[in-house]
Amino acid sequence: RLTHSSKLHSIDPVFQARLNTPKMLDIASRISGLSLIPSEPYRVFVTIMKHRIEQNLHLVNAQLRKNTEIINHERDSTEINDILNAVEIVGRDPQLDAYKDDQEYLEDLHVLSDSLKNEGSTRLVDNIVKDLIRLAETFGFHLATLDVRQESDRHQEAVAEILGSEFMNVCPEYNSLTPIERFHKLLEVIKLEPPSQAKLAEWLPKMTANTCQSVQLLQAIANVKKNISAKGIGAYCISMAQAADDVMEVLILGWFVNQNLVKYDAGAATWTCNMYVSPLFETIEDLEEMPVALNILMNSPQYREMLEAATGSVQEVMLGYSDSCKDGGVLASTFGLYLAQKKVQEISERTGVRFRVFHGRGGAPGRGAAPPFE
């Protein structure tokens, strides 16, 4: 349906410029049969787009093929096998032709849409292109965003081990420090150069099972963000958060895996932070101590810089309804949650940091936290 010929009417110059970029011409040179339709620029353009999307699929398939659990579970699925064994261009790295992210794909769709509108093909845009734009805006390359959740003690255990004498040897006494001492020590460590990938591969088999799992979780997060979409992973939620060091421990693990999740550029004095942490305060005591933890975080220029790099200065906080109710009863829980939200508002107004409150109520019955109308 996009057989418009440049021999019969002029083509939008913005569209033509996009089609004639060196990268697009380079990709077009490797697509069989594309040279047969040089006078039909829209068909050339969408054929290139199709080829590039296929390369993104090949990259995802390559990751899936590495996962023996998926391969074994789906070995009898013809559909899965067809996807995993999709034909690739021999000798060509799919990364070279693939879209770097869903925004680049959306840019192509918008250029195509605008050009068709400018020449009067509005119905084609409404019937075909607009749906693709909405799908790309809604699902991107990731389909759905996954949040990650782990308990705070697991992070402390992992950080104490990797900073200890057997591995990095920068803080063997980590577990004996107070929470505020741990927080400031982590602010120092996170500015250091992380271990190399070779060193990390050497260390992983020597770690305890829990620490190894914690590190591999951050590696998986980095892998999804790099190979599928930065939007594929949302908040990293810390269950049973109690203090500011709980948040920094997750960021340290992101720094430790050395895959551009958290990194400090000493030369430019800037942060790269491609993950954000959402502490979950659950018990009555933890809700009461929450303002202390948030004030420590918000009063740290270094943490604020990382938060700005990660979310544009939006701090998410989760409030636990079920555990606070089990801990103190419905009345104490409800009043404690109310006071906690008032404190969040005060801290936000004082620091200028926007807060997003995630209400961890669980299912419809509130999992013991009483109906929301009571």
Protein backbone atom coordinates (compact mmCIF):
# COMPACT_ATOMS: atom_id res chain seq x y z
CA ARG A 1 0.00 0.00 0.00
CA LEU A 2 3.04 2.29 0.09
CA THR A 3 3.81 2.16 -3.63
CA HIS A 4 4.03 5.95 -4.06
CA SER A 5 6.46 6.67 -6.88
CA SER A 6 8.92 9.54 -6.86
CA LYS A 7 8.44 9.65 -10.66
CA LEU A 8 4.88 10.87 -10.21
CA HIS A 9 5.16 13.35 -7.33
CA SER A 10 7.74 14.92 -5.06
CA ILE A 11 8.77 13.32 -1.75
CA ASP A 12 8.98 15.17 1.56
CA PRO A 13 12.61 16.43 1.91
CA VAL A 14 12.78 15.50 5.62
CA PHE A 15 11.77 11.94 4.77
CA GLN A 16 14.21 11.82 1.86
CA ALA A 17 17.02 13.07 4.10
CA ARG A 18 16.25 10.34 6.64
CA LEU A 19 16.28 7.69 3.93
CA ASN A 20 19.58 8.95 2.53
CA THR A 21 21.55 8.92 5.78
CA PRO A 22 24.77 6.85 5.54
CA LYS A 23 23.46 4.26 8.02
CA MET A 24 20.21 3.70 6.09
CA LEU A 25 22.05 3.43 2.76
CA ASP A 26 24.54 1.01 4.29
CA ILE A 27 21.74 -1.22 5.62
CA ALA A 28 19.85 -1.03 2.31
CA SER A 29 22.90 -2.27 0.42
CA ARG A 30 22.69 -5.60 2.25
CA ILE A 31 18.96 -6.28 1.71
CA SER A 32 18.35 -8.55 -1.24
CA GLY A 33 16.08 -7.13 -3.96
CA LEU A 34 15.83 -3.64 -2.50
CA SER A 35 17.62 -2.09 -5.47
CA LEU A 36 14.67 -3.12 -7.69
CA ILE A 37 12.40 -0.40 -6.23
CA PRO A 38 14.52 2.79 -6.04
CA SER A 39 11.63 4.95 -7.28
CA GLU A 40 9.35 3.80 -4.43
CA PRO A 41 11.01 5.40 -1.38
CA TYR A 42 8.29 4.44 1.10
CA ARG A 43 8.61 0.75 0.27
CA VAL A 44 12.38 1.05 0.57
CA PHE A 45 12.02 2.79 3.94
CA VAL A 46 9.63 0.27 5.51
CA THR A 47 11.68 -2.66 4.14
CA ILE A 48 14.71 -1.25 5.93
CA MET A 49 12.63 -0.80 9.08
CA LYS A 50 11.44 -4.41 8.88
CA HIS A 51 15.01 -5.62 8.45
CA ARG A 52 16.17 -3.62 11.47
CA ILE A 53 13.36 -4.95 13.68
CA GLU A 54 14.30 -8.48 12.64
CA GLN A 55 17.86 -7.81 13.83
CA ASN A 56 16.49 -6.76 17.22
CA LEU A 57 14.60 -10.05 17.32
CA HIS A 58 17.79 -11.94 16.50
CA LEU A 59 19.53 -10.26 19.45
CA VAL A 60 16.75 -11.33 21.79
CA ASN A 61 16.79 -14.86 20.35
CA ALA A 62 20.54 -15.06 20.96
CA GLN A 63 19.90 -14.32 24.64
CA LEU A 64 17.11 -16.91 24.79
CA ARG A 65 19.30 -19.57 23.23
CA LYS A 66 21.75 -19.10 26.11
CA ASN A 67 19.02 -19.94 28.61
CA THR A 68 18.98 -23.73 28.82
CA GLU A 69 16.02 -23.65 31.21
CA ILE A 70 13.83 -22.03 28.54
CA ILE A 71 15.17 -24.30 25.82
CA ASN A 72 14.43 -27.44 27.85
CA HIS A 73 11.01 -26.25 28.99
CA GLU A 74 9.91 -25.28 25.47
CA ARG A 75 11.69 -28.02 23.50
CA ASP A 76 8.38 -29.44 22.21
CA SER A 77 7.04 -26.06 21.07
CA THR A 78 7.28 -25.69 17.30
CA GLU A 79 6.54 -21.99 17.52
CA ILE A 80 9.31 -21.33 20.05
CA ASN A 81 11.79 -23.39 18.05
CA ASP A 82 10.94 -21.47 14.88
CA ILE A 83 11.58 -18.18 16.70
CA LEU A 84 14.83 -19.31 18.29
CA ASN A 85 16.16 -20.67 15.02
CA ALA A 86 15.19 -17.71 12.85
CA VAL A 87 17.58 -17.24 9.95
CA GLU A 88 20.21 -14.54 10.40
CA ILE A 89 22.57 -12.88 7.94
CA VAL A 90 25.66 -15.08 7.94
CA GLY A 91 28.74 -13.27 9.16
CA ARG A 92 26.86 -10.10 10.09
CA ASP A 93 26.50 -8.95 13.70
CA PRO A 94 22.77 -8.15 14.25
CA GLN A 95 23.82 -5.34 16.61
CA LEU A 96 25.13 -3.33 13.65
CA ASP A 97 21.75 -3.08 11.90
CA ALA A 98 19.35 -3.31 14.86
CA TYR A 99 17.60 -0.31 16.37
CA LYS A 100 19.51 0.88 19.41
CA ASP A 101 16.22 1.41 21.27
CA ASP A 102 12.49 1.83 20.77
CA GLN A 103 12.86 5.62 20.52
CA GLU A 104 14.90 5.30 17.33
CA TYR A 105 12.19 3.02 15.91
CA LEU A 106 9.53 5.58 16.90
CA GLU A 107 11.49 8.33 15.18
CA ASP A 108 11.34 6.39 11.92
CA LEU A 109 7.61 5.84 12.33
CA HIS A 110 6.99 9.54 12.97
CA VAL A 111 9.09 10.57 9.96
CA LEU A 112 7.06 8.14 7.82
CA SER A 113 3.76 9.39 9.29
CA ASP A 114 4.59 13.09 8.83
CA SER A 115 5.71 12.58 5.24
CA LEU A 116 2.55 10.68 4.30
CA LYS A 117 0.38 13.36 5.94
CA ASN A 118 2.20 16.14 4.12
CA GLU A 119 1.42 14.58 0.78
CA GLY A 120 -2.22 13.94 1.65
CA SER A 121 -2.15 10.21 2.48
CA THR A 122 -3.90 10.74 5.81
CA ARG A 123 -6.02 7.58 5.53
CA LEU A 124 -2.91 5.43 5.16
CA VAL A 125 -1.51 7.00 8.31
CA ASP A 126 -4.76 6.44 10.24
CA ASN A 127 -5.20 2.86 9.03
CA ILE A 128 -1.61 1.62 9.29
CA VAL A 129 1.07 3.85 10.74
CA LYS A 130 -0.84 5.28 13.69
CA ASP A 131 -1.48 1.81 15.13
CA LEU A 132 2.23 0.99 14.93
CA ILE A 133 3.08 4.24 16.69
CA ARG A 134 0.61 3.52 19.49
CA LEU A 135 1.96 -0.03 19.89
CA ALA A 136 5.55 1.24 20.03
CA GLU A 137 4.65 3.95 22.54
CA THR A 138 2.75 1.51 24.74
CA PHE A 139 4.91 -1.61 24.64
CA GLY A 140 8.26 -0.45 23.25
CA PHE A 141 10.63 -3.38 22.74
CA HIS A 142 9.98 -4.74 26.23
CA LEU A 143 6.20 -5.45 26.30
CA ALA A 144 5.91 -4.87 30.06
CA THR A 145 8.08 -3.32 32.77
CA LEU A 146 9.21 -5.68 35.52
CA ASP A 147 9.88 -4.53 39.05
CA VAL A 148 12.48 -6.37 41.12
CA ARG A 149 12.11 -7.09 44.83
CA GLN A 150 14.58 -8.46 47.37
CA GLU A 151 14.90 -8.39 51.15
CA SER A 152 17.32 -5.86 52.71
CA ASP A 153 19.28 -8.43 54.74
CA ARG A 154 20.28 -10.21 51.52
CA HIS A 155 21.83 -7.00 50.23
CA GLN A 156 23.76 -6.37 53.45
CA GLU A 157 25.04 -9.95 53.39
CA ALA A 158 26.19 -9.60 49.77
CA VAL A 159 27.82 -6.18 50.20
CA ALA A 160 29.64 -7.27 53.36
CA GLU A 161 31.07 -10.24 51.47
CA ILE A 162 32.19 -8.42 48.31
CA LEU A 163 33.75 -5.54 50.26
CA GLY A 164 35.46 -7.97 52.64
CA SER A 165 38.98 -9.34 52.66
CA GLU A 166 38.30 -12.24 50.28
CA PHE A 167 37.29 -9.99 47.38
CA MET A 168 37.64 -6.19 47.22
CA ASN A 169 39.14 -5.81 50.70
CA VAL A 170 37.99 -2.20 51.14
CA CYS A 171 35.85 -2.69 54.26
CA PRO A 172 36.32 -6.04 56.06
CA GLU A 173 34.57 -4.63 59.15
CA TYR A 174 31.37 -3.71 57.25
CA ASN A 175 28.94 -5.68 59.42
CA SER A 176 30.24 -4.09 62.61
CA LEU A 177 29.55 -0.54 61.39
CA THR A 178 26.44 1.42 62.35
CA PRO A 179 23.87 2.12 59.60
CA ILE A 180 25.04 5.73 59.18
CA GLU A 181 28.69 4.60 59.06
CA ARG A 182 27.80 2.03 56.41
CA PHE A 183 26.00 4.71 54.39
CA HIS A 184 29.03 7.03 54.33
CA LYS A 185 31.42 4.15 53.62
CA LEU A 186 29.32 3.10 50.62
CA LEU A 187 29.38 6.68 49.32
CA GLU A 188 33.19 6.43 49.32
CA VAL A 189 33.36 2.98 47.71
CA ILE A 190 30.92 3.74 44.90
CA LYS A 191 33.31 6.37 43.52
CA LEU A 192 36.07 3.78 43.07
CA GLU A 193 36.71 1.87 39.86
CA PRO A 194 34.56 -1.30 39.86
CA PRO A 195 36.15 -4.71 39.28
CA SER A 196 36.70 -5.79 35.68
CA GLN A 197 34.45 -8.35 34.02
CA ALA A 198 37.33 -10.83 34.08
CA LYS A 199 37.82 -10.35 37.81
CA LEU A 200 34.08 -10.63 38.40
CA ALA A 201 33.95 -13.92 36.46
CA GLU A 202 36.83 -15.21 38.60
CA TRP A 203 35.13 -14.17 41.86
CA LEU A 204 31.56 -15.38 41.22
CA PRO A 205 32.24 -19.14 41.72
CA LYS A 206 33.97 -18.34 45.02
CA MET A 207 31.04 -16.41 46.48
CA THR A 208 28.40 -17.87 48.76
CA ALA A 209 25.17 -18.93 47.03
CA ASN A 210 23.17 -15.93 48.32
CA THR A 211 25.79 -13.37 47.33
CA CYS A 212 26.26 -14.97 43.92
CA GLN A 213 22.51 -14.84 43.34
CA SER A 214 22.37 -11.16 44.38
CA VAL A 215 25.17 -10.24 41.98
CA GLN A 216 23.70 -12.29 39.12
CA LEU A 217 20.35 -10.55 39.65
CA LEU A 218 22.00 -7.19 38.96
CA GLN A 219 23.76 -8.69 35.94
CA ALA A 220 20.38 -9.85 34.63
CA ILE A 221 18.94 -6.35 35.12
CA ALA A 222 21.84 -4.86 33.16
CA ASN A 223 21.38 -7.47 30.45
CA VAL A 224 17.68 -6.65 30.00
CA LYS A 225 18.36 -2.91 29.90
CA LYS A 226 21.15 -3.33 27.34
CA ASN A 227 19.70 -5.99 25.03
CA ILE A 228 15.94 -5.40 25.22
CA SER A 229 15.03 -1.97 26.57
CA ALA A 230 15.97 0.43 29.34
CA LYS A 231 12.26 0.41 30.19
CA GLY A 232 12.23 -3.35 30.70
CA ILE A 233 13.11 -3.01 34.39
CA GLY A 234 11.38 -0.55 36.70
CA ALA A 235 11.96 -0.04 40.42
CA TYR A 236 14.26 -2.20 42.50
CA CYS A 237 12.17 -2.62 45.65
CA ILE A 238 13.84 -3.33 49.01
CA SER A 239 11.65 -5.31 51.39
CA MET A 240 12.03 -4.56 55.10
CA ALA A 241 13.98 -1.35 54.46
CA GLN A 242 15.03 0.38 57.68
CA ALA A 243 17.75 2.92 56.95
CA ALA A 244 19.52 4.90 54.23
CA ASP A 245 22.30 2.33 53.86
CA ASP A 246 19.71 -0.19 52.59
CA VAL A 247 19.26 1.96 49.48
CA MET A 248 22.99 2.47 48.97
CA GLU A 249 23.67 -1.27 49.21
CA VAL A 250 21.57 -1.90 46.10
CA LEU A 251 23.37 0.89 44.24
CA ILE A 252 26.71 -0.61 45.29
CA LEU A 253 25.67 -3.97 43.80
CA GLY A 254 24.73 -2.14 40.59
CA TRP A 255 28.16 -0.49 40.60
CA PHE A 256 29.92 -3.78 41.38
CA VAL A 257 28.67 -5.64 38.27
CA ASN A 258 30.34 -2.94 36.11
CA GLN A 259 27.73 -2.90 33.34
CA ASN A 260 26.87 0.80 33.31
CA LEU A 261 24.07 0.58 35.87
CA VAL A 262 25.87 2.85 38.33
CA LYS A 263 29.16 4.52 37.55
CA TYR A 264 31.04 7.68 38.49
CA ASP A 265 33.10 9.56 35.90
CA ALA A 266 35.82 11.22 37.96
CA GLY A 267 37.08 13.30 35.04
CA ALA A 268 33.69 14.87 34.29
CA ALA A 269 32.49 14.58 37.92
CA THR A 270 29.19 13.12 36.67
CA TRP A 271 27.14 10.02 37.44
CA THR A 272 25.65 7.37 35.23
CA CYS A 273 22.72 5.77 37.06
CA ASN A 274 20.42 3.51 35.04
CA MET A 275 18.46 2.04 37.95
CA TYR A 276 16.34 3.42 40.75
CA VAL A 277 15.67 2.01 44.19
CA SER A 278 12.36 2.01 46.04
CA PRO A 279 12.66 1.25 49.78
CA LEU A 280 9.66 -0.53 51.34
CA PHE A 281 9.03 0.42 54.96
CA GLU A 282 6.77 -2.22 56.47
CA THR A 283 6.62 -2.45 60.26
CA ILE A 284 5.34 0.27 62.62
CA GLU A 285 8.88 0.91 63.85
CA ASP A 286 10.23 1.13 60.30
CA LEU A 287 7.49 3.61 59.32
CA GLU A 288 8.46 5.76 62.31
CA GLU A 289 12.15 5.65 61.30
CA MET A 290 11.43 6.30 57.62
CA PRO A 291 11.78 10.13 57.83
CA VAL A 292 15.29 9.70 59.29
CA ALA A 293 16.33 7.47 56.40
CA LEU A 294 14.81 9.76 53.76
CA ASN A 295 16.39 12.87 55.30
CA ILE A 296 19.83 11.24 55.24
CA LEU A 297 19.37 10.34 51.57
CA MET A 298 18.00 13.74 50.55
CA ASN A 299 20.72 15.60 52.47
CA SER A 300 23.46 13.72 50.61
CA PRO A 301 24.57 15.70 47.51
CA GLN A 302 26.10 12.52 46.09
CA TYR A 303 22.89 10.52 46.40
CA ARG A 304 20.90 13.43 44.97
CA GLU A 305 23.16 13.44 41.91
CA MET A 306 22.58 9.73 41.38
CA LEU A 307 18.83 10.22 41.83
CA GLU A 308 18.85 13.04 39.28
CA ALA A 309 20.69 10.82 36.78
CA ALA A 310 18.31 7.90 37.37
CA THR A 311 14.86 9.50 37.56
CA GLY A 312 15.19 13.26 37.19
CA SER A 313 14.95 13.63 41.00
CA VAL A 314 11.90 11.48 41.67
CA GLN A 315 12.21 9.25 44.74
CA GLU A 316 9.79 6.34 44.98
CA VAL A 317 8.87 5.06 48.45
CA MET A 318 6.74 1.99 49.23
CA LEU A 319 4.55 1.80 52.31
CA GLY A 320 3.66 -1.61 53.75
CA TYR A 321 0.07 -2.10 54.79
CA SER A 322 -0.01 -5.81 55.56
CA ASP A 323 3.06 -6.06 57.81
CA SER A 324 2.33 -2.82 59.65
CA CYS A 325 -1.18 -4.11 60.37
CA LYS A 326 0.10 -7.47 61.58
CA ASP A 327 2.70 -5.63 63.65
CA GLY A 328 0.48 -3.08 65.39
CA GLY A 329 -3.12 -3.67 64.42
CA VAL A 330 -5.48 -1.79 62.11
CA LEU A 331 -5.63 1.49 64.06
CA ALA A 332 -1.88 1.79 64.70
CA SER A 333 -1.15 0.79 61.10
CA THR A 334 -3.58 3.29 59.57
CA PHE A 335 -2.36 6.15 61.77
CA GLY A 336 1.29 5.24 61.22
CA LEU A 337 0.80 5.20 57.43
CA TYR A 338 -0.94 8.58 57.61
CA LEU A 339 1.95 10.11 59.59
CA ALA A 340 4.49 8.55 57.21
CA GLN A 341 2.80 10.16 54.19
CA LYS A 342 2.71 13.54 55.96
CA LYS A 343 6.45 13.26 56.61
CA VAL A 344 7.10 12.37 52.96
CA GLN A 345 5.19 15.48 51.92
CA GLU A 346 7.19 17.66 54.33
CA ILE A 347 10.52 16.27 53.13
CA SER A 348 9.48 16.78 49.51
CA GLU A 349 8.51 20.40 50.11
CA ARG A 350 11.71 21.11 52.05
CA THR A 351 14.16 19.45 49.62
CA GLY A 352 12.42 20.07 46.30
CA VAL A 353 12.60 16.36 45.48
CA ARG A 354 9.41 14.85 44.10
CA PHE A 355 8.22 11.69 45.85
CA ARG A 356 6.11 8.91 44.41
CA VAL A 357 4.35 6.85 47.10
CA PHE A 358 3.62 3.23 46.23
CA HIS A 359 0.87 1.84 48.48
CA GLY A 360 1.74 -1.80 49.10
CA ARG A 361 -1.74 -2.99 49.98
CA GLY A 362 -1.61 -6.38 48.28
CA GLY A 363 -4.92 -7.83 47.05
CA ALA A 364 -8.48 -6.56 47.34
CA PRO A 365 -8.89 -7.59 51.03
CA GLY A 366 -5.71 -5.66 51.85
CA ARG A 367 -4.01 -8.85 53.12
CA GLY A 368 -4.90 -8.03 56.71
CA ALA A 369 -4.62 -4.25 56.37
CA ALA A 370 -8.41 -3.83 56.62
CA PRO A 371 -10.70 -2.63 53.81
CA PRO A 372 -9.63 0.76 52.38
CA PHE A 373 -12.94 2.41 53.34
CA GLU A 374 -12.50 1.72 57.07
